[in-house]
Amino acid sequence: MDWDEPKPRPAKAVTLGEDLRTLSVSELEHRLVELARETDRVRAEIQAKKTHEAAAAAVFKT
């Protein structure tokens, strides 16, 4: 990378509680997609932890 080249800007993260009135329809739709993706990621992590917890409980029951 050349020093004169501008650095790519990171994508704006979704901020909870942000004033939605300032966002366009496109930005709001993008926000919904990102929030749905994050919800799926959190649910998968919860399921992985429950599975791990159940396996550990089964080991200590015997």
PDB file of N, CA and C in Angstrom:
ATOM      1  N   MET A   1       0.847  -1.183   0.000  1.00  0.00           N
ATOM      2  CA  MET A   1       0.000   0.000   0.000  1.00  0.00           C
ATOM      3  C   MET A   1       0.884   1.235   0.000  1.00  0.00           C
ATOM      4  N   ASP A   2       0.575   2.164  -0.860  1.00  0.00           N
ATOM      5  CA  ASP A   2       1.308   3.407  -0.970  1.00  0.00           C
ATOM      6  C   ASP A   2       0.823   4.373   0.119  1.00  0.00           C
ATOM      7  N   TRP A   3       1.731   5.182   0.639  1.00  0.00           N
ATOM      8  CA  TRP A   3       1.382   6.126   1.700  1.00  0.00           C
ATOM      9  C   TRP A   3       0.366   7.160   1.229  1.00  0.00           C
ATOM     10  N   ASP A   4       0.359   7.427  -0.070  1.00  0.00           N
ATOM     11  CA  ASP A   4      -0.541   8.438  -0.603  1.00  0.00           C
ATOM     12  C   ASP A   4      -1.959   7.913  -0.833  1.00  0.00           C
ATOM     13  N   GLU A   5      -2.120   6.600  -0.822  1.00  0.00           N
ATOM     14  CA  GLU A   5      -3.440   6.019  -1.030  1.00  0.00           C
ATOM     15  C   GLU A   5      -4.284   6.166   0.238  1.00  0.00           C
ATOM     16  N   PRO A   6      -5.523   6.569   0.082  1.00  0.00           N
ATOM     17  CA  PRO A   6      -6.382   6.659   1.274  1.00  0.00           C
ATOM     18  C   PRO A   6      -6.697   5.257   1.803  1.00  0.00           C
ATOM     19  N   LYS A   7      -6.756   5.158   3.108  1.00  0.00           N
ATOM     20  CA  LYS A   7      -7.108   3.876   3.732  1.00  0.00           C
ATOM     21  C   LYS A   7      -8.601   3.623   3.528  1.00  0.00           C
ATOM     22  N   PRO A   8      -8.958   2.372   3.254  1.00  0.00           N
ATOM     23  CA  PRO A   8     -10.396   2.080   3.136  1.00  0.00           C
ATOM     24  C   PRO A   8     -11.073   2.264   4.485  1.00  0.00           C
ATOM     25  N   ARG A   9     -12.226   2.864   4.453  1.00  0.00           N
ATOM     26  CA  ARG A   9     -12.957   3.093   5.706  1.00  0.00           C
ATOM     27  C   ARG A   9     -13.691   1.818   6.107  1.00  0.00           C
ATOM     28  N   PRO A  10     -13.651   1.488   7.385  1.00  0.00           N
ATOM     29  CA  PRO A  10     -14.413   0.315   7.828  1.00  0.00           C
ATOM     30  C   PRO A  10     -15.907   0.599   7.725  1.00  0.00           C
ATOM     31  N   ALA A  11     -16.668  -0.460   7.513  1.00  0.00           N
ATOM     32  CA  ALA A  11     -18.120  -0.309   7.420  1.00  0.00           C
ATOM     33  C   ALA A  11     -18.663   0.178   8.760  1.00  0.00           C
ATOM     34  N   LYS A  12     -19.652   1.035   8.688  1.00  0.00           N
ATOM     35  CA  LYS A  12     -20.258   1.564   9.905  1.00  0.00           C
ATOM     36  C   LYS A  12     -21.006   0.444  10.626  1.00  0.00           C
ATOM     37  N   ALA A  13     -20.733   0.290  11.889  1.00  0.00           N
ATOM     38  CA  ALA A  13     -21.394  -0.738  12.686  1.00  0.00           C
ATOM     39  C   ALA A  13     -22.791  -0.262  13.087  1.00  0.00           C
ATOM     40  N   VAL A  14     -23.659  -1.203  13.308  1.00  0.00           N
ATOM     41  CA  VAL A  14     -25.004  -0.877  13.785  1.00  0.00           C
ATOM     42  C   VAL A  14     -24.890  -0.518  15.256  1.00  0.00           C
ATOM     43  N   THR A  15     -25.443   0.637  15.604  1.00  0.00           N
ATOM     44  CA  THR A  15     -25.419   1.103  16.980  1.00  0.00           C
ATOM     45  C   THR A  15     -26.829   1.013  17.548  1.00  0.00           C
ATOM     46  N   LEU A  16     -26.991   0.260  18.610  1.00  0.00           N
ATOM     47  CA  LEU A  16     -28.307   0.144  19.237  1.00  0.00           C
ATOM     48  C   LEU A  16     -28.706   1.476  19.851  1.00  0.00           C
ATOM     49  N   GLY A  17     -29.957   1.852  19.695  1.00  0.00           N
ATOM     50  CA  GLY A  17     -30.464   3.089  20.262  1.00  0.00           C
ATOM     51  C   GLY A  17     -30.210   4.313  19.390  1.00  0.00           C
ATOM     52  N   GLU A  18     -29.596   4.106  18.229  1.00  0.00           N
ATOM     53  CA  GLU A  18     -29.306   5.211  17.320  1.00  0.00           C
ATOM     54  C   GLU A  18     -30.612   5.830  16.815  1.00  0.00           C
ATOM     55  N   ASP A  19     -30.616   7.135  16.599  1.00  0.00           N
ATOM     56  CA  ASP A  19     -31.796   7.825  16.077  1.00  0.00           C
ATOM     57  C   ASP A  19     -32.059   7.344  14.654  1.00  0.00           C
ATOM     58  N   LEU A  20     -33.161   6.656  14.446  1.00  0.00           N
ATOM     59  CA  LEU A  20     -33.479   6.074  13.147  1.00  0.00           C
ATOM     60  C   LEU A  20     -34.029   7.108  12.161  1.00  0.00           C
ATOM     61  N   ARG A  21     -34.461   8.247  12.649  1.00  0.00           N
ATOM     62  CA  ARG A  21     -35.043   9.263  11.771  1.00  0.00           C
ATOM     63  C   ARG A  21     -34.014   9.825  10.797  1.00  0.00           C
ATOM     64  N   THR A  22     -32.742   9.711  11.126  1.00  0.00           N
ATOM     65  CA  THR A  22     -31.699  10.278  10.269  1.00  0.00           C
ATOM     66  C   THR A  22     -31.254   9.313   9.173  1.00  0.00           C
ATOM     67  N   LEU A  23     -31.764   8.075   9.186  1.00  0.00           N
ATOM     68  CA  LEU A  23     -31.330   7.059   8.229  1.00  0.00           C
ATOM     69  C   LEU A  23     -32.292   6.966   7.052  1.00  0.00           C
ATOM     70  N   SER A  24     -31.736   6.665   5.888  1.00  0.00           N
ATOM     71  CA  SER A  24     -32.559   6.475   4.694  1.00  0.00           C
ATOM     72  C   SER A  24     -33.208   5.098   4.729  1.00  0.00           C
ATOM     73  N   VAL A  25     -34.132   4.859   3.814  1.00  0.00           N
ATOM     74  CA  VAL A  25     -34.784   3.558   3.710  1.00  0.00           C
ATOM     75  C   VAL A  25     -33.741   2.481   3.435  1.00  0.00           C
ATOM     76  N   SER A  26     -32.814   2.767   2.540  1.00  0.00           N
ATOM     77  CA  SER A  26     -31.757   1.806   2.215  1.00  0.00           C
ATOM     78  C   SER A  26     -30.906   1.482   3.443  1.00  0.00           C
ATOM     79  N   GLU A  27     -30.566   2.506   4.201  1.00  0.00           N
ATOM     80  CA  GLU A  27     -29.766   2.296   5.415  1.00  0.00           C
ATOM     81  C   GLU A  27     -30.549   1.495   6.450  1.00  0.00           C
ATOM     82  N   LEU A  28     -31.837   1.742   6.554  1.00  0.00           N
ATOM     83  CA  LEU A  28     -32.666   0.989   7.495  1.00  0.00           C
ATOM     84  C   LEU A  28     -32.779  -0.478   7.081  1.00  0.00           C
ATOM     85  N   GLU A  29     -32.928  -0.720   5.776  1.00  0.00           N
ATOM     86  CA  GLU A  29     -32.982  -2.102   5.291  1.00  0.00           C
ATOM     87  C   GLU A  29     -31.666  -2.814   5.542  1.00  0.00           C
ATOM     88  N   HIS A  30     -30.551  -2.128   5.307  1.00  0.00           N
ATOM     89  CA  HIS A  30     -29.226  -2.705   5.581  1.00  0.00           C
ATOM     90  C   HIS A  30     -29.090  -3.018   7.070  1.00  0.00           C
ATOM     91  N   ARG A  31     -29.596  -2.127   7.892  1.00  0.00           N
ATOM     92  CA  ARG A  31     -29.540  -2.315   9.345  1.00  0.00           C
ATOM     93  C   ARG A  31     -30.301  -3.579   9.751  1.00  0.00           C
ATOM     94  N   LEU A  32     -31.480  -3.793   9.150  1.00  0.00           N
ATOM     95  CA  LEU A  32     -32.255  -4.993   9.453  1.00  0.00           C
ATOM     96  C   LEU A  32     -31.500  -6.264   9.074  1.00  0.00           C
ATOM     97  N   VAL A  33     -30.846  -6.247   7.929  1.00  0.00           N
ATOM     98  CA  VAL A  33     -30.059  -7.409   7.492  1.00  0.00           C
ATOM     99  C   VAL A  33     -28.933  -7.684   8.488  1.00  0.00           C
ATOM    100  N   GLU A  34     -28.229  -6.643   8.889  1.00  0.00           N
ATOM    101  CA  GLU A  34     -27.120  -6.806   9.834  1.00  0.00           C
ATOM    102  C   GLU A  34     -27.609  -7.299  11.194  1.00  0.00           C
ATOM    103  N   LEU A  35     -28.724  -6.765  11.659  1.00  0.00           N
ATOM    104  CA  LEU A  35     -29.271  -7.201  12.946  1.00  0.00           C
ATOM    105  C   LEU A  35     -29.739  -8.653  12.890  1.00  0.00           C
ATOM    106  N   ALA A  36     -30.339  -9.059  11.783  1.00  0.00           N
ATOM    107  CA  ALA A  36     -30.772 -10.453  11.620  1.00  0.00           C
ATOM    108  C   ALA A  36     -29.559 -11.374  11.612  1.00  0.00           C
ATOM    109  N   ARG A  37     -28.498 -10.967  10.931  1.00  0.00           N
ATOM    110  CA  ARG A  37     -27.269 -11.759  10.888  1.00  0.00           C
ATOM    111  C   ARG A  37     -26.673 -11.899  12.297  1.00  0.00           C
ATOM    112  N   GLU A  38     -26.684 -10.821  13.054  1.00  0.00           N
ATOM    113  CA  GLU A  38     -26.155 -10.860  14.417  1.00  0.00           C
ATOM    114  C   GLU A  38     -27.039 -11.721  15.319  1.00  0.00           C
ATOM    115  N   THR A  39     -28.352 -11.635  15.134  1.00  0.00           N
ATOM    116  CA  THR A  39     -29.272 -12.471  15.913  1.00  0.00           C
ATOM    117  C   THR A  39     -28.999 -13.950  15.655  1.00  0.00           C
ATOM    118  N   ASP A  40     -28.803 -14.313  14.403  1.00  0.00           N
ATOM    119  CA  ASP A  40     -28.489 -15.706  14.052  1.00  0.00           C
ATOM    120  C   ASP A  40     -27.175 -16.148  14.695  1.00  0.00           C
ATOM    121  N   ARG A  41     -26.190 -15.268  14.683  1.00  0.00           N
ATOM    122  CA  ARG A  41     -24.887 -15.590  15.267  1.00  0.00           C
ATOM    123  C   ARG A  41     -24.995 -15.812  16.779  1.00  0.00           C
ATOM    124  N   VAL A  42     -25.771 -14.971  17.440  1.00  0.00           N
ATOM    125  CA  VAL A  42     -25.957 -15.101  18.891  1.00  0.00           C
ATOM    126  C   VAL A  42     -26.725 -16.382  19.218  1.00  0.00           C
ATOM    127  N   ARG A  43     -27.772 -16.667  18.444  1.00  0.00           N
ATOM    128  CA  ARG A  43     -28.546 -17.900  18.684  1.00  0.00           C
ATOM    129  C   ARG A  43     -27.687 -19.148  18.488  1.00  0.00           C
ATOM    130  N   ALA A  44     -26.813 -19.135  17.490  1.00  0.00           N
ATOM    131  CA  ALA A  44     -25.917 -20.273  17.260  1.00  0.00           C
ATOM    132  C   ALA A  44     -24.957 -20.438  18.431  1.00  0.00           C
ATOM    133  N   GLU A  45     -24.462 -19.355  18.972  1.00  0.00           N
ATOM    134  CA  GLU A  45     -23.550 -19.433  20.118  1.00  0.00           C
ATOM    135  C   GLU A  45     -24.276 -19.946  21.360  1.00  0.00           C
ATOM    136  N   ILE A  46     -25.501 -19.506  21.569  1.00  0.00           N
ATOM    137  CA  ILE A  46     -26.297 -20.006  22.696  1.00  0.00           C
ATOM    138  C   ILE A  46     -26.497 -21.509  22.561  1.00  0.00           C
ATOM    139  N   GLN A  47     -26.845 -21.969  21.358  1.00  0.00           N
ATOM    140  CA  GLN A  47     -27.050 -23.399  21.137  1.00  0.00           C
ATOM    141  C   GLN A  47     -25.769 -24.183  21.378  1.00  0.00           C
ATOM    142  N   ALA A  48     -24.641 -23.663  20.922  1.00  0.00           N
ATOM    143  CA  ALA A  48     -23.357 -24.347  21.138  1.00  0.00           C
ATOM    144  C   ALA A  48     -23.055 -24.451  22.625  1.00  0.00           C
ATOM    145  N   LYS A  49     -23.334 -23.400  23.376  1.00  0.00           N
ATOM    146  CA  LYS A  49     -23.071 -23.424  24.820  1.00  0.00           C
ATOM    147  C   LYS A  49     -24.010 -24.395  25.538  1.00  0.00           C
ATOM    148  N   LYS A  50     -25.267 -24.445  25.114  1.00  0.00           N
ATOM    149  CA  LYS A  50     -26.211 -25.392  25.721  1.00  0.00           C
ATOM    150  C   LYS A  50     -25.794 -26.825  25.427  1.00  0.00           C
ATOM    151  N   THR A  51     -25.339 -27.089  24.214  1.00  0.00           N
ATOM    152  CA  THR A  51     -24.878 -28.423  23.849  1.00  0.00           C
ATOM    153  C   THR A  51     -23.663 -28.815  24.682  1.00  0.00           C
ATOM    154  N   HIS A  52     -22.746 -27.890  24.840  1.00  0.00           N
ATOM    155  CA  HIS A  52     -21.546 -28.137  25.637  1.00  0.00           C
ATOM    156  C   HIS A  52     -21.919 -28.378  27.109  1.00  0.00           C
ATOM    157  N   GLU A  53     -22.830 -27.583  27.601  1.00  0.00           N
ATOM    158  CA  GLU A  53     -23.289 -27.709  28.991  1.00  0.00           C
ATOM    159  C   GLU A  53     -23.956 -29.070  29.213  1.00  0.00           C
ATOM    160  N   ALA A  54     -24.781 -29.509  28.279  1.00  0.00           N
ATOM    161  CA  ALA A  54     -25.459 -30.794  28.385  1.00  0.00           C
ATOM    162  C   ALA A  54     -24.456 -31.948  28.360  1.00  0.00           C
ATOM    163  N   ALA A  55     -23.437 -31.830  27.516  1.00  0.00           N
ATOM    164  CA  ALA A  55     -22.413 -32.873  27.436  1.00  0.00           C
ATOM    165  C   ALA A  55     -21.636 -32.952  28.753  1.00  0.00           C
ATOM    166  N   ALA A  56     -21.310 -31.810  29.311  1.00  0.00           N
ATOM    167  CA  ALA A  56     -20.584 -31.794  30.596  1.00  0.00           C
ATOM    168  C   ALA A  56     -21.454 -32.355  31.711  1.00  0.00           C
ATOM    169  N   ALA A  57     -22.735 -32.027  31.717  1.00  0.00           N
ATOM    170  CA  ALA A  57     -23.638 -32.553  32.741  1.00  0.00           C
ATOM    171  C   ALA A  57     -23.765 -34.061  32.620  1.00  0.00           C
ATOM    172  N   ALA A  58     -23.786 -34.582  31.402  1.00  0.00           N
ATOM    173  CA  ALA A  58     -23.895 -36.028  31.190  1.00  0.00           C
ATOM    174  C   ALA A  58     -22.659 -36.742  31.719  1.00  0.00           C
ATOM    175  N   VAL A  59     -21.485 -36.149  31.585  1.00  0.00           N
ATOM    176  CA  VAL A  59     -20.251 -36.764  32.069  1.00  0.00           C
ATOM    177  C   VAL A  59     -20.275 -36.861  33.594  1.00  0.00           C
ATOM    178  N   PHE A  60     -20.752 -35.821  34.254  1.00  0.00           N
ATOM    179  CA  PHE A  60     -20.735 -35.810  35.705  1.00  0.00           C
ATOM    180  C   PHE A  60     -21.909 -36.547  36.335  1.00  0.00           C
ATOM    181  N   LYS A  61     -22.934 -36.917  35.581  1.00  0.00           N
ATOM    182  CA  LYS A  61     -24.063 -37.680  36.115  1.00  0.00           C
ATOM    183  C   LYS A  61     -23.702 -39.142  36.320  1.00  0.00           C
ATOM    184  N   THR A  62     -22.810 -39.655  35.517  1.00  0.00           N
ATOM    185  CA  THR A  62     -22.492 -41.077  35.607  1.00  0.00           C
ATOM    186  C   THR A  62     -21.493 -41.385  36.672  1.00  0.00           C
TER     187      THR A  62
END
